Amino acid sequence: MFTSPRLLRLRIKVSDFFLHVLVIVVVAIIAFPFLYMLSMALMTERESVAVPARLLPSVPQWGNLFIAWERIDAFRTYGNTLIVACGSTLSVLFFSSMAGYGFAKFDFKGKNLLFAGLLGTMTIPVFINIIPWYWMINQLNINNTLPGVMFPSLVTAFGIFLMRQFMQDVPNDLIDAARVDGASEPTIYLRVALPLTKPALATLGAFTFLAHWNDLLWPLITLSDRSKWTINLVVLSLQGYMGASRHMEIAGASLAVIPVLILVIVLQRYFVQGTTLSGMKG
């Protein structure tokens, strides 16, 4: 059946309109908890426990953020968290990229079996690993230290899998040409393979950083010295800090989330590009 161009354009405009409405609704649903958290952080104590709940403070209490900043000892806490998150991220990027390069570009006996076993470890619940991890950091005498917090995640199966997927897209002709020119394998890895996998490195680095910044369980088990606590442990402690009320707890949580939001906004292009290009190729 013939459809006039005018009617076709009208249908496209209507479809685009409803698509934009759907996107706005989804974004609003996802963003609402974060916006409400920031709103509660700026409320007075009475407003934060009001029934029915208030959506916005009558007068924003910006001083709440400064009080929470002092209570969580932000400079030291941010420093501890950055050490853990950045140290783990750099380690994961280094080891995962090397292992991914090896799995993608080298043939050796048992490669497929080894890779399958590696992927199998991703199905093991993290709670099962806690006791072996704790035993190992005690044997290494790094319990109650920041290296002890980083220890279980210095290399991850997910990181190796992601980098292997990307490394497979690196043209073999480039690698062969570099070998013909006399380049060593470390040089090929650093000068040829890595520059072509920047989206993967950015995506894996962002995922790893966010996971360690938001981690609570393992630091809670490992760290007993308050001076070494990460941001989520300190925010958790606000629940019993001199009778801290809900709005102060939310203010502390907001200070923990804001750096993460900034990181996501800065790296959003790499998130989209990395998750799209990682693909499902074998």
Protein backbone atom coordinates (compact mmCIF):
# COMPACT_ATOMS: atom_id res chain seq x y z
CA MET A 1 0.00 0.00 0.00
CA PHE A 2 1.37 3.41 -1.01
CA THR A 3 2.15 5.86 1.80
CA SER A 4 2.56 9.50 0.97
CA PRO A 5 5.86 11.19 1.97
CA ARG A 6 3.94 13.67 4.11
CA LEU A 7 2.23 10.92 6.10
CA LEU A 8 5.53 9.07 6.45
CA ARG A 9 7.25 12.17 7.86
CA LEU A 10 4.36 12.64 10.28
CA ARG A 11 4.73 9.05 11.50
CA ILE A 12 8.47 9.54 11.98
CA LYS A 13 7.89 12.73 13.99
CA VAL A 14 5.29 11.02 16.18
CA SER A 15 7.64 8.07 16.76
CA ASP A 16 10.49 10.42 17.64
CA PHE A 17 8.22 12.33 20.03
CA PHE A 18 7.16 9.22 21.95
CA LEU A 19 10.76 7.95 21.96
CA HIS A 20 11.95 11.23 23.51
CA VAL A 21 9.15 11.09 26.08
CA LEU A 22 10.13 7.51 26.98
CA VAL A 23 13.79 8.49 27.36
CA ILE A 24 12.87 11.45 29.59
CA VAL A 25 10.69 9.24 31.80
CA VAL A 26 13.43 6.59 32.16
CA VAL A 27 16.08 9.21 32.96
CA ALA A 28 13.77 10.84 35.51
CA ILE A 29 13.15 7.50 37.25
CA ILE A 30 16.88 6.75 37.39
CA ALA A 31 17.93 10.25 38.47
CA PHE A 32 15.22 10.81 41.07
CA PRO A 33 16.92 8.88 43.94
CA PHE A 34 20.15 10.84 43.47
CA LEU A 35 18.39 14.19 43.26
CA TYR A 36 16.27 13.36 46.31
CA MET A 37 19.39 12.38 48.22
CA LEU A 38 20.97 15.75 47.45
CA SER A 39 17.72 17.46 48.44
CA MET A 40 17.62 15.66 51.81
CA ALA A 41 21.25 16.58 52.42
CA LEU A 42 20.20 20.25 52.35
CA MET A 43 17.20 19.87 54.69
CA THR A 44 16.93 20.63 58.37
CA GLU A 45 16.59 17.74 60.79
CA ARG A 46 12.84 18.33 61.16
CA GLU A 47 12.30 18.44 57.40
CA SER A 48 14.26 15.24 56.84
CA VAL A 49 11.91 13.22 59.09
CA ALA A 50 8.69 15.01 58.16
CA VAL A 51 5.61 12.93 57.32
CA PRO A 52 4.61 13.07 54.52
CA ALA A 53 8.12 13.37 53.14
CA ARG A 54 9.23 16.67 51.67
CA LEU A 55 10.75 16.76 48.22
CA LEU A 56 12.62 20.05 48.60
CA PRO A 57 14.04 21.97 51.57
CA SER A 58 12.30 25.24 52.43
CA VAL A 59 15.72 26.88 52.72
CA PRO A 60 18.79 24.93 51.51
CA GLN A 61 21.12 24.22 54.43
CA TRP A 62 24.48 24.30 52.67
CA GLY A 63 26.16 24.17 56.06
CA ASN A 64 25.14 20.51 56.34
CA LEU A 65 27.73 19.59 53.72
CA PHE A 66 30.48 21.48 55.55
CA ILE A 67 29.56 19.81 58.86
CA ALA A 68 29.55 16.38 57.19
CA TRP A 69 32.89 17.22 55.55
CA GLU A 70 34.42 17.79 58.97
CA ARG A 71 32.82 14.75 60.57
CA ILE A 72 34.06 12.33 57.93
CA ASP A 73 37.54 13.90 57.98
CA ALA A 74 37.17 14.23 54.23
CA PHE A 75 40.77 14.88 53.19
CA ARG A 76 42.14 11.78 54.92
CA THR A 77 39.13 9.64 53.99
CA TYR A 78 39.19 10.67 50.35
CA GLY A 79 42.94 10.04 50.34
CA ASN A 80 42.53 6.48 51.68
CA THR A 81 39.77 5.74 49.19
CA LEU A 82 41.74 7.16 46.28
CA ILE A 83 44.77 5.07 47.21
CA VAL A 84 42.67 1.89 47.22
CA ALA A 85 40.65 2.72 44.11
CA CYS A 86 43.52 4.08 42.01
CA GLY A 87 46.00 1.40 43.09
CA SER A 88 43.57 -1.41 42.31
CA THR A 89 42.58 0.20 39.01
CA LEU A 90 46.18 0.55 37.80
CA SER A 91 46.94 -3.04 38.80
CA VAL A 92 43.85 -4.40 37.04
CA LEU A 93 44.62 -2.43 33.87
CA PHE A 94 48.23 -3.64 33.80
CA PHE A 95 47.67 -7.33 34.45
CA SER A 96 44.38 -7.60 32.55
CA SER A 97 45.77 -5.95 29.42
CA MET A 98 48.82 -8.22 29.42
CA ALA A 99 46.76 -11.36 30.00
CA GLY A 100 44.17 -10.27 27.43
CA TYR A 101 46.93 -9.69 24.88
CA GLY A 102 48.34 -13.14 25.58
CA PHE A 103 44.99 -14.90 25.24
CA ALA A 104 44.10 -12.99 22.06
CA LYS A 105 47.38 -13.07 20.12
CA PHE A 106 49.27 -16.17 21.24
CA ASP A 107 48.51 -19.84 20.70
CA PHE A 108 49.66 -22.20 23.43
CA LYS A 109 48.63 -25.58 24.73
CA GLY A 110 45.54 -25.50 26.92
CA LYS A 111 44.68 -21.86 26.11
CA ASN A 112 40.96 -22.44 25.61
CA LEU A 113 40.70 -24.64 28.69
CA LEU A 114 42.55 -22.09 30.79
CA PHE A 115 40.36 -19.26 29.52
CA ALA A 116 37.20 -21.26 30.20
CA GLY A 117 38.38 -21.93 33.75
CA LEU A 118 39.10 -18.24 34.18
CA LEU A 119 35.59 -17.35 33.07
CA GLY A 120 34.24 -19.99 35.44
CA THR A 121 35.67 -18.11 38.41
CA MET A 122 33.33 -15.22 37.56
CA THR A 123 30.39 -17.41 38.63
CA ILE A 124 31.75 -17.88 42.17
CA PRO A 125 29.91 -15.65 44.69
CA VAL A 126 32.21 -13.13 46.32
CA PHE A 127 31.13 -14.24 49.79
CA ILE A 128 32.75 -17.63 49.25
CA ASN A 129 36.12 -15.96 48.68
CA ILE A 130 36.10 -13.82 51.81
CA ILE A 131 37.55 -16.45 54.19
CA PRO A 132 40.42 -17.46 51.82
CA TRP A 133 41.18 -13.77 51.16
CA TYR A 134 41.24 -13.01 54.87
CA TRP A 135 43.53 -15.98 55.55
CA MET A 136 45.91 -14.86 52.79
CA ILE A 137 46.22 -11.24 53.96
CA ASN A 138 46.88 -12.50 57.48
CA GLN A 139 49.62 -14.77 56.17
CA LEU A 140 51.11 -11.82 54.29
CA ASN A 141 50.78 -9.65 57.40
CA ILE A 142 48.86 -6.94 55.55
CA ASN A 143 45.63 -7.14 57.53
CA ASN A 144 44.29 -3.73 58.61
CA THR A 145 46.25 -2.02 55.83
CA LEU A 146 45.28 -0.39 52.55
CA PRO A 147 47.31 -2.94 50.53
CA GLY A 148 45.25 -5.61 52.28
CA VAL A 149 42.09 -3.96 50.99
CA MET A 150 43.50 -3.89 47.45
CA PHE A 151 44.91 -7.44 47.53
CA PRO A 152 41.86 -9.47 46.31
CA SER A 153 41.29 -7.23 43.29
CA LEU A 154 44.77 -6.68 41.91
CA VAL A 155 43.69 -8.71 38.88
CA THR A 156 40.17 -9.77 37.87
CA ALA A 157 38.72 -12.35 35.52
CA PHE A 158 36.29 -9.80 34.13
CA GLY A 159 39.17 -7.47 33.28
CA ILE A 160 41.03 -10.21 31.42
CA PHE A 161 37.87 -11.18 29.54
CA LEU A 162 37.13 -7.59 28.50
CA MET A 163 40.68 -6.88 27.37
CA ARG A 164 40.87 -10.17 25.48
CA GLN A 165 37.73 -9.22 23.54
CA PHE A 166 39.28 -5.91 22.53
CA MET A 167 42.72 -7.33 21.82
CA GLN A 168 41.17 -9.72 19.30
CA ASP A 169 40.23 -6.68 17.20
CA VAL A 170 43.83 -5.49 16.98
CA PRO A 171 44.88 -6.34 13.39
CA ASN A 172 47.33 -9.21 13.25
CA ASP A 173 48.97 -7.55 10.25
CA LEU A 174 50.15 -4.69 12.45
CA ILE A 175 51.63 -7.11 14.96
CA ASP A 176 53.31 -9.17 12.26
CA ALA A 177 54.73 -6.03 10.66
CA ALA A 178 56.16 -4.94 14.01
CA ARG A 179 57.76 -8.35 14.47
CA VAL A 180 59.29 -8.18 10.99
CA ASP A 181 60.74 -4.78 11.90
CA GLY A 182 62.44 -6.42 14.88
CA ALA A 183 60.21 -5.10 17.68
CA SER A 184 60.17 -7.17 20.85
CA GLU A 185 56.93 -8.53 22.28
CA PRO A 186 56.87 -6.00 25.16
CA THR A 187 57.37 -3.21 22.61
CA ILE A 188 54.55 -4.54 20.44
CA TYR A 189 52.30 -4.77 23.48
CA LEU A 190 53.10 -1.22 24.61
CA ARG A 191 53.43 0.57 21.28
CA VAL A 192 50.93 -1.27 19.06
CA ALA A 193 48.27 -3.11 21.08
CA LEU A 194 47.64 -0.76 24.01
CA PRO A 195 47.12 2.45 22.00
CA LEU A 196 44.43 0.68 19.96
CA THR A 197 42.50 -0.41 23.07
CA LYS A 198 42.09 2.94 24.81
CA PRO A 199 38.27 2.65 24.97
CA ALA A 200 38.60 -0.73 26.67
CA LEU A 201 41.18 0.58 29.13
CA ALA A 202 39.00 3.60 29.96
CA THR A 203 35.90 1.44 30.40
CA LEU A 204 37.64 -1.18 32.53
CA GLY A 205 39.39 1.51 34.56
CA ALA A 206 36.12 3.34 35.23
CA PHE A 207 34.29 0.14 36.23
CA THR A 208 37.14 -0.91 38.52
CA PHE A 209 37.48 2.52 40.12
CA LEU A 210 33.74 2.75 40.80
CA ALA A 211 33.64 -0.75 42.27
CA HIS A 212 36.43 0.01 44.75
CA TRP A 213 35.17 3.49 45.57
CA ASN A 214 31.74 2.03 46.44
CA ASP A 215 33.03 -1.11 48.18
CA LEU A 216 31.93 -1.53 51.78
CA LEU A 217 32.00 -5.21 52.75
CA TRP A 218 35.71 -6.01 52.29
CA PRO A 219 37.03 -2.78 53.91
CA LEU A 220 34.59 -3.35 56.77
CA ILE A 221 36.10 -6.82 57.34
CA THR A 222 39.71 -5.78 56.81
CA LEU A 223 40.14 -2.36 58.41
CA SER A 224 39.83 -1.77 62.14
CA ASP A 225 41.97 1.38 62.39
CA ARG A 226 39.73 4.40 61.82
CA SER A 227 42.59 6.42 60.35
CA LYS A 228 42.66 3.97 57.41
CA TRP A 229 38.93 3.81 56.76
CA THR A 230 37.55 4.40 53.28
CA ILE A 231 34.69 6.77 52.53
CA ASN A 232 31.85 4.26 52.84
CA LEU A 233 33.04 3.04 56.24
CA VAL A 234 33.14 6.60 57.54
CA VAL A 235 29.68 7.36 56.14
CA LEU A 236 28.38 4.19 57.79
CA SER A 237 29.84 5.33 61.10
CA LEU A 238 27.80 8.55 60.91
CA GLN A 239 24.76 6.52 61.97
CA GLY A 240 26.14 6.43 65.48
CA TYR A 241 28.19 9.63 65.45
CA MET A 242 26.98 11.73 68.38
CA GLY A 243 23.39 10.92 67.48
CA ALA A 244 23.77 12.08 63.90
CA SER A 245 20.36 12.50 62.28
CA ARG A 246 19.17 11.36 58.91
CA HIS A 247 19.96 14.56 57.06
CA MET A 248 23.58 14.45 58.25
CA GLU A 249 23.95 10.83 57.19
CA ILE A 250 22.57 11.74 53.76
CA ALA A 251 24.94 14.72 53.58
CA GLY A 252 27.87 12.38 54.21
CA ALA A 253 26.57 9.94 51.60
CA SER A 254 26.28 12.83 49.12
CA LEU A 255 29.94 13.69 49.64
CA ALA A 256 30.78 10.06 48.89
CA VAL A 257 28.71 9.99 45.70
CA ILE A 258 29.61 13.37 44.16
CA PRO A 259 33.14 12.34 43.00
CA VAL A 260 31.67 9.22 41.41
CA LEU A 261 29.06 11.24 39.53
CA ILE A 262 31.77 13.56 38.24
CA LEU A 263 33.83 10.58 37.04
CA VAL A 264 30.84 9.05 35.24
CA ILE A 265 30.04 12.35 33.51
CA VAL A 266 33.65 12.81 32.39
CA LEU A 267 34.01 9.24 31.10
CA GLN A 268 30.49 8.67 29.77
CA ARG A 269 31.77 8.64 26.17
CA TYR A 270 34.14 5.79 27.00
CA PHE A 271 31.39 3.89 28.85
CA VAL A 272 29.18 3.89 25.76
CA GLN A 273 32.03 3.17 23.35
CA GLY A 274 33.57 0.46 25.51
CA THR A 275 30.38 -1.42 26.32
CA THR A 276 29.36 -1.27 22.65
CA LEU A 277 32.67 -2.39 21.15
CA SER A 278 33.42 -5.10 23.72
CA GLY A 279 30.79 -7.08 21.84
CA MET A 280 29.95 -10.70 22.14
CA LYS A 281 32.48 -12.01 19.64
CA GLY A 282 34.14 -15.25 20.60
